[in-house]
N, C-alpha and C. Protein backbone atom coordinates (compact mmCIF):
# COMPACT_ATOMS: atom_id res chain seq x y z
N MET A 1 -24.57 -3.73 34.95
CA MET A 1 -24.24 -2.07 34.27
C MET A 1 -23.19 -2.46 34.20
N ILE A 2 -22.30 -2.06 33.22
CA ILE A 2 -21.13 -1.54 32.59
C ILE A 2 -20.57 -0.21 33.17
N ARG A 3 -19.47 0.22 32.62
CA ARG A 3 -18.62 1.08 33.42
C ARG A 3 -17.46 1.08 32.64
N LEU A 4 -16.86 2.67 31.71
CA LEU A 4 -16.29 2.28 30.01
C LEU A 4 -15.19 3.54 30.93
N SER A 5 -13.78 2.67 31.21
CA SER A 5 -12.82 3.43 32.01
C SER A 5 -12.06 3.63 30.61
N ARG A 6 -10.78 4.86 30.83
CA ARG A 6 -9.77 5.11 30.21
C ARG A 6 -9.20 4.15 30.39
N MET A 7 -8.23 3.40 29.19
CA MET A 7 -7.42 2.24 29.56
C MET A 7 -5.66 2.97 29.84
N THR A 8 -5.24 2.96 30.89
CA THR A 8 -3.84 3.12 31.50
C THR A 8 -2.89 2.89 29.83
N GLN A 9 -1.68 2.84 30.38
CA GLN A 9 -1.25 2.11 29.46
C GLN A 9 -0.35 0.95 29.17
N SER A 10 0.05 0.36 30.47
CA SER A 10 0.13 -0.74 30.37
C SER A 10 -0.96 -1.78 29.60
N GLU A 11 -2.21 -1.14 29.80
CA GLU A 11 -3.72 -2.04 29.68
C GLU A 11 -3.95 -1.89 27.83
N TYR A 12 -3.00 -0.28 27.60
CA TYR A 12 -3.36 0.12 26.04
C TYR A 12 -2.25 -1.27 25.78
N ASP A 13 -0.93 -1.34 26.11
CA ASP A 13 0.01 -1.87 25.89
C ASP A 13 -0.47 -3.88 25.19
N LYS A 14 -1.19 -4.15 26.60
CA LYS A 14 -1.67 -5.87 26.09
C LYS A 14 -2.86 -5.66 24.65
N TRP A 15 -3.55 -4.71 25.18
CA TRP A 15 -4.73 -4.09 23.81
C TRP A 15 -4.02 -4.60 22.70
N ARG A 16 -3.20 -3.87 22.62
CA ARG A 16 -2.16 -3.80 21.56
C ARG A 16 -1.68 -5.06 20.85
N GLU A 17 -0.84 -5.58 21.86
CA GLU A 17 -0.55 -6.47 21.58
C GLU A 17 -1.89 -8.49 21.26
N ARG A 18 -2.25 -7.66 21.48
CA ARG A 18 -3.78 -9.14 21.36
C ARG A 18 -4.00 -9.11 20.00
N SER A 19 -4.25 -6.87 19.77
CA SER A 19 -5.30 -6.88 18.37
C SER A 19 -3.71 -7.36 17.41
N ILE A 20 -2.76 -6.78 17.69
CA ILE A 20 -2.20 -7.24 16.67
C ILE A 20 -1.43 -9.35 16.40
N ARG A 21 -2.05 -9.34 17.18
CA ARG A 21 -1.63 -10.86 16.94
C ARG A 21 -2.72 -11.01 16.18
N GLU A 22 -3.81 -11.18 16.49
CA GLU A 22 -5.24 -11.70 15.94
C GLU A 22 -5.70 -10.50 14.75
N TYR A 23 -4.61 -9.82 14.10
CA TYR A 23 -4.58 -9.15 12.89
C TYR A 23 -3.96 -9.97 11.93
N ILE A 24 -2.70 -10.79 13.01
CA ILE A 24 -1.97 -11.59 12.64
C ILE A 24 -2.43 -12.78 11.40
N GLU A 25 -3.22 -13.39 12.33
CA GLU A 25 -3.33 -14.85 12.60
C GLU A 25 -4.98 -14.69 11.54
N GLU A 26 -5.47 -13.36 11.17
CA GLU A 26 -6.86 -12.98 10.30
C GLU A 26 -5.92 -13.06 8.36
N ASN A 27 -4.86 -12.64 8.72
CA ASN A 27 -4.12 -12.02 7.46
C ASN A 27 -3.10 -13.11 7.26
N VAL A 28 -2.66 -14.66 8.01
CA VAL A 28 -2.15 -14.75 7.24
C VAL A 28 -2.46 -15.77 6.83
N LYS A 29 -3.35 -16.20 6.54
CA LYS A 29 -4.20 -16.67 5.54
C LYS A 29 -3.77 -16.72 4.07
N SER A 30 -3.57 -15.09 3.80
CA SER A 30 -3.30 -14.76 2.45
C SER A 30 -2.28 -14.55 2.04
N GLY A 31 -1.67 -14.64 2.92
CA GLY A 31 0.04 -14.70 2.94
C GLY A 31 0.98 -15.38 3.85
N SER A 32 2.02 -15.07 4.09
CA SER A 32 2.81 -15.33 4.48
C SER A 32 3.24 -14.89 6.36
N ALA A 33 3.41 -15.66 7.37
CA ALA A 33 3.12 -14.92 9.00
C ALA A 33 4.18 -13.75 8.22
N LYS A 34 5.25 -14.01 8.31
CA LYS A 34 6.16 -12.76 8.70
C LYS A 34 5.65 -11.33 7.34
N GLU A 35 4.90 -11.75 6.34
CA GLU A 35 4.10 -10.43 5.86
C GLU A 35 3.00 -9.84 6.68
N ALA A 36 2.12 -10.58 7.10
CA ALA A 36 0.77 -10.49 8.41
C ALA A 36 1.24 -9.07 9.48
N ALA A 37 2.65 -10.07 9.99
CA ALA A 37 3.13 -9.56 10.59
C ALA A 37 3.76 -7.89 10.70
N THR A 38 4.15 -7.74 9.47
CA THR A 38 4.95 -6.61 8.94
C THR A 38 3.72 -5.82 8.40
N LEU A 39 2.48 -6.32 8.20
CA LEU A 39 1.30 -5.38 7.53
C LEU A 39 0.74 -4.60 8.75
N ALA A 40 0.84 -5.65 10.07
CA ALA A 40 0.07 -5.35 11.23
C ALA A 40 0.96 -4.08 11.53
N GLU A 41 1.89 -4.21 11.73
CA GLU A 41 2.52 -3.32 12.81
C GLU A 41 2.68 -1.64 11.89
N LYS A 42 2.66 -1.83 10.43
CA LYS A 42 3.11 -0.84 9.56
C LYS A 42 1.32 -0.25 9.58
N GLU A 43 0.22 -0.47 9.31
CA GLU A 43 -1.48 -0.35 9.48
C GLU A 43 -1.34 -0.16 11.62
N PHE A 44 -0.89 -0.29 12.14
CA PHE A 44 -1.40 0.06 13.68
C PHE A 44 -0.01 1.91 12.98
N GLN A 45 0.92 1.36 13.37
CA GLN A 45 1.49 2.33 13.31
C GLN A 45 0.78 3.96 12.12
N GLN A 46 0.22 3.70 11.64
CA GLN A 46 -0.42 4.56 10.46
C GLN A 46 -1.92 5.15 10.60
N ILE A 47 -2.06 4.41 11.64
CA ILE A 47 -3.40 4.20 11.96
C ILE A 47 -2.95 5.04 13.64
N LEU A 48 -2.24 4.69 14.22
CA LEU A 48 -2.00 4.92 15.93
C LEU A 48 -0.74 5.84 16.04
N PRO A 49 -0.42 6.59 15.03
CA PRO A 49 1.32 6.84 15.18
C PRO A 49 1.85 7.57 17.02
N ASP A 50 0.77 8.11 17.19
CA ASP A 50 1.49 8.41 18.90
C ASP A 50 0.25 7.19 20.09
N GLY A 51 0.12 5.50 19.04
CA GLY A 51 -0.16 5.12 20.25
C GLY A 51 -1.29 5.41 20.84
N ARG A 52 -1.56 5.40 22.55
CA ARG A 52 -2.59 5.82 22.94
C ARG A 52 -3.28 6.84 22.74
N ALA A 53 -2.14 7.64 22.39
CA ALA A 53 -2.12 9.37 23.07
C ALA A 53 -2.61 9.74 21.50
N THR A 54 -2.70 9.09 20.38
CA THR A 54 -3.42 9.34 18.84
C THR A 54 -4.89 10.00 19.09
N ARG A 55 -4.35 11.52 18.51
CA ARG A 55 -5.50 12.57 18.92
C ARG A 55 -6.73 11.68 17.95
N ASP A 56 -7.92 11.75 18.92
CA ASP A 56 -9.03 11.94 19.17
C ASP A 56 -9.43 10.44 18.53
N HIS A 57 -8.26 9.63 18.81
CA HIS A 57 -8.74 7.94 19.10
C HIS A 57 -8.90 7.70 20.96
N PHE A 58 -9.40 7.11 20.82
CA PHE A 58 -10.43 7.12 22.52
C PHE A 58 -9.56 5.46 22.87
N PHE A 59 -9.21 5.48 23.95
CA PHE A 59 -9.68 3.40 24.36
C PHE A 59 -9.87 3.38 26.02
N PHE A 60 -10.85 2.07 25.62
CA PHE A 60 -11.41 1.82 27.41
C PHE A 60 -11.62 0.13 27.69
N ILE A 61 -11.20 0.51 28.82
CA ILE A 61 -11.70 -1.08 29.60
C ILE A 61 -13.15 -1.06 29.51
N ILE A 62 -13.84 -2.86 28.94
CA ILE A 62 -15.19 -2.61 30.17
C ILE A 62 -15.29 -3.53 30.99
N GLN A 63 -16.04 -2.35 32.29
CA GLN A 63 -15.86 -3.18 33.42
C GLN A 63 -17.33 -3.80 33.74
N ASP A 64 -17.18 -4.67 34.59
CA ASP A 64 -18.21 -4.95 34.76
C ASP A 64 -18.89 -4.59 36.04
N GLU A 65 -19.38 -3.17 36.72
CA GLU A 65 -19.68 -2.78 37.73
C GLU A 65 -20.16 -3.90 38.84
N ALA A 66 -20.99 -4.73 38.99
CA ALA A 66 -21.17 -5.73 40.13
C ALA A 66 -20.07 -6.26 40.31
N THR A 67 -19.14 -6.92 39.72
CA THR A 67 -18.19 -8.08 40.12
C THR A 67 -16.69 -6.60 39.75
N ARG A 68 -16.38 -6.21 38.73
CA ARG A 68 -15.04 -4.93 39.22
C ARG A 68 -14.48 -5.50 38.55
N ARG A 69 -14.56 -6.89 37.20
CA ARG A 69 -13.59 -7.49 36.70
C ARG A 69 -14.02 -6.56 35.06
N GLN A 70 -12.81 -6.91 34.18
CA GLN A 70 -12.91 -6.39 33.28
C GLN A 70 -12.98 -7.63 32.41
N VAL A 71 -14.22 -6.75 31.34
CA VAL A 71 -14.74 -8.11 30.48
C VAL A 71 -15.02 -7.36 28.95
N GLY A 72 -13.50 -6.71 28.53
CA GLY A 72 -13.89 -6.72 27.73
C GLY A 72 -13.13 -5.08 27.16
N SER A 73 -13.11 -4.47 26.27
CA SER A 73 -11.85 -3.62 25.31
C SER A 73 -12.84 -2.25 24.60
N ILE A 74 -13.12 -1.42 23.76
CA ILE A 74 -13.37 -0.72 22.86
C ILE A 74 -12.74 0.37 22.71
N TRP A 75 -12.50 0.32 21.35
CA TRP A 75 -11.42 2.09 21.11
C TRP A 75 -12.49 2.33 19.70
N PHE A 76 -12.48 3.69 19.41
CA PHE A 76 -13.21 4.50 18.84
C PHE A 76 -12.04 5.26 18.45
N GLN A 77 -13.06 6.59 17.00
CA GLN A 77 -12.76 7.88 16.60
C GLN A 77 -13.36 8.46 16.63
N ALA A 78 -13.08 10.11 17.45
CA ALA A 78 -14.48 10.77 17.15
C ALA A 78 -13.87 11.87 16.13
N ASN A 79 -14.99 11.89 15.50
CA ASN A 79 -14.81 12.85 14.43
C ASN A 79 -14.72 14.34 14.78
N ARG A 80 -13.71 15.55 14.78
CA ARG A 80 -14.13 16.42 15.16
C ARG A 80 -14.15 17.27 14.32
N ASP A 81 -13.72 16.97 12.78
CA ASP A 81 -13.22 17.97 11.69
C ASP A 81 -14.78 18.94 11.29
N GLN A 82 -15.83 17.96 11.14
CA GLN A 82 -17.11 18.52 10.82
C GLN A 82 -17.55 18.73 11.81
N PRO A 83 -17.73 19.85 13.02
CA PRO A 83 -18.67 20.20 13.98
C PRO A 83 -20.25 19.84 13.46
N ALA A 84 -20.49 20.71 12.82
CA ALA A 84 -22.00 20.11 12.37
C ALA A 84 -22.16 18.92 12.29
N HIS A 85 -21.60 18.07 11.48
CA HIS A 85 -21.53 16.25 11.78
C HIS A 85 -20.90 15.69 12.22
N PRO A 86 -20.66 15.89 13.55
CA PRO A 86 -19.77 14.74 14.59
C PRO A 86 -20.15 13.37 14.62
N PHE A 87 -19.27 12.80 14.29
CA PHE A 87 -19.94 11.43 14.81
C PHE A 87 -18.63 10.90 15.21
N CYS A 88 -18.89 9.43 15.80
CA CYS A 88 -17.79 8.92 16.25
C CYS A 88 -17.56 7.25 15.41
N TYR A 89 -16.47 6.45 15.27
CA TYR A 89 -15.95 5.43 14.64
C TYR A 89 -15.75 4.44 15.29
N LEU A 90 -16.96 3.39 15.63
CA LEU A 90 -16.20 2.58 15.96
C LEU A 90 -15.07 1.29 15.33
N TRP A 91 -13.76 1.65 16.11
CA TRP A 91 -12.97 0.78 15.01
C TRP A 91 -13.21 -1.10 15.72
N ASP A 92 -12.70 -0.63 17.51
CA ASP A 92 -13.12 -2.28 18.00
C ASP A 92 -13.84 -2.39 19.16
N LEU A 93 -14.70 -3.55 19.41
CA LEU A 93 -15.42 -4.34 20.92
C LEU A 93 -14.76 -5.19 21.05
N LEU A 94 -15.06 -5.63 22.12
CA LEU A 94 -14.12 -7.12 22.45
C LEU A 94 -15.15 -7.26 23.27
N VAL A 95 -15.37 -8.32 23.52
CA VAL A 95 -16.26 -8.78 25.10
C VAL A 95 -15.94 -9.65 25.27
N TYR A 96 -14.53 -10.21 25.87
CA TYR A 96 -13.87 -11.88 26.04
C TYR A 96 -14.87 -12.54 26.53
N GLU A 97 -14.67 -13.70 25.55
CA GLU A 97 -15.60 -15.46 24.97
C GLU A 97 -16.52 -15.65 26.15
N GLU A 98 -15.32 -15.72 27.72
CA GLU A 98 -16.40 -15.84 28.97
C GLU A 98 -17.24 -14.98 28.99
N TYR A 99 -17.28 -14.12 29.13
CA TYR A 99 -18.56 -12.96 29.51
C TYR A 99 -19.66 -12.78 28.69
N ARG A 100 -19.46 -13.49 27.20
CA ARG A 100 -20.45 -12.92 26.31
C ARG A 100 -21.52 -13.44 27.04
N ARG A 101 -22.75 -12.52 25.42
CA ARG A 101 -24.20 -12.86 25.51
C ARG A 101 -24.06 -12.94 26.93
N ARG A 102 -24.11 -11.43 27.86
CA ARG A 102 -24.51 -11.31 28.59
C ARG A 102 -25.11 -9.79 29.17
N GLY A 103 -25.14 -9.37 28.01
CA GLY A 103 -25.75 -7.89 27.27
C GLY A 103 -24.22 -6.64 27.42
N PHE A 104 -22.88 -7.26 27.73
CA PHE A 104 -22.14 -6.38 27.81
C PHE A 104 -21.72 -5.82 26.44
N ALA A 105 -22.24 -6.05 25.77
CA ALA A 105 -21.71 -5.56 24.21
C ALA A 105 -22.89 -4.08 23.63
N SER A 106 -23.96 -4.94 23.95
CA SER A 106 -24.67 -3.56 23.71
C SER A 106 -25.15 -2.31 24.58
N GLN A 107 -24.69 -2.63 25.99
CA GLN A 107 -24.36 -1.88 27.15
C GLN A 107 -22.95 -1.12 26.61
N ALA A 108 -22.25 -1.50 26.36
CA ALA A 108 -20.87 -0.88 25.99
C ALA A 108 -21.33 -0.28 24.47
N MET A 109 -22.27 -0.31 23.57
CA MET A 109 -22.55 0.24 22.43
C MET A 109 -23.01 1.99 23.20
N HIS A 110 -24.27 1.93 24.16
CA HIS A 110 -25.23 2.94 24.81
C HIS A 110 -23.62 3.35 25.12
N GLU A 111 -22.81 3.02 26.31
CA GLU A 111 -22.19 4.10 26.75
C GLU A 111 -20.98 4.15 25.85
N LEU A 112 -20.70 4.06 24.58
CA LEU A 112 -19.85 4.71 23.34
C LEU A 112 -20.56 6.13 23.16
N GLU A 113 -22.51 5.62 23.28
CA GLU A 113 -23.28 6.39 22.17
C GLU A 113 -22.93 8.17 23.69
N VAL A 114 -22.90 7.77 24.66
CA VAL A 114 -22.71 8.35 25.41
C VAL A 114 -21.42 9.69 26.02
N GLU A 115 -20.51 8.55 25.68
CA GLU A 115 -19.13 8.67 25.65
C GLU A 115 -18.79 9.66 24.59
N GLY A 116 -19.51 9.60 23.52
CA GLY A 116 -19.09 10.07 21.74
C GLY A 116 -19.89 11.90 22.31
N ARG A 117 -21.02 11.49 22.62
CA ARG A 117 -21.36 13.03 22.45
C ARG A 117 -20.72 13.72 23.89
N ARG A 118 -20.24 13.14 25.16
CA ARG A 118 -19.13 14.00 25.62
C ARG A 118 -17.94 14.37 25.08
N ILE A 119 -17.59 13.85 24.61
CA ILE A 119 -16.08 14.36 23.45
C ILE A 119 -15.92 15.42 23.23
N GLN A 120 -17.22 14.77 22.27
CA GLN A 120 -18.22 15.75 21.43
C GLN A 120 -18.59 17.71 21.75
N ALA A 121 -19.13 17.58 22.58
CA ALA A 121 -19.67 18.96 23.27
C ALA A 121 -18.38 19.78 23.49
N ASP A 122 -16.77 18.26 24.23
CA ASP A 122 -16.04 19.21 25.25
C ASP A 122 -15.05 19.74 23.87
N ALA A 123 -15.56 19.06 22.37
CA ALA A 123 -14.42 19.93 21.46
C ALA A 123 -15.15 20.76 20.54
N VAL A 124 -16.52 21.67 21.04
CA VAL A 124 -16.96 22.56 20.70
C VAL A 124 -16.81 23.70 21.25
N PRO A 125 -16.17 24.43 20.63
CA PRO A 125 -15.91 26.17 21.28
C PRO A 125 -17.19 26.78 21.07
N HIS A 126 -16.88 27.35 22.46
CA HIS A 126 -17.81 27.62 23.51
C HIS A 126 -17.72 29.28 23.14
N PRO A 127 -18.95 30.29 22.79
CA PRO A 127 -18.64 31.62 22.16
C PRO A 127 -18.26 32.37 23.51
N THR A 128 -17.77 33.10 23.53
CA THR A 128 -16.88 34.17 24.91
C THR A 128 -17.37 34.93 24.70
N VAL A 129 -17.36 35.34 26.29
CA VAL A 129 -18.58 36.66 25.65
C VAL A 129 -17.30 38.13 26.50
N PRO A 130 -17.50 39.09 26.08
CA PRO A 130 -16.71 39.86 25.95
C PRO A 130 -16.65 40.63 28.05
N THR A 131 -15.58 40.73 28.37
CA THR A 131 -15.81 41.26 29.61
C THR A 131 -15.82 43.25 29.61
N GLN A 132 -16.13 42.87 30.42
CA GLN A 132 -15.78 44.86 30.36
C GLN A 132 -15.85 45.57 31.33
């Protein structure tokens, strides 16, 4: 079994560094490394202007409950603009290579559904009962 835990700022910083590095590696094929690095920084700033605190973006580490080891990470965005049709958009799901093929990704997707429903439920305004 796994557990999702909100990323700390230091975990987020490591995640961001890894994500940008991988983004650059993928995009350097179509241009220079400098152009890819500039594009990566620009896009991350555009998508996550407030970093980990960007509204409706959620960052979690995936932890194996048996060993208490971090086995990956997950980033998703909750769409709260249409309360009648809530959904979450998965931006990134990573299970570290040495932990793959053990079911952690599918367990993380299940936990994402649970967490997404909880986040959406927290955002729904509850009717107020008039006091007398």
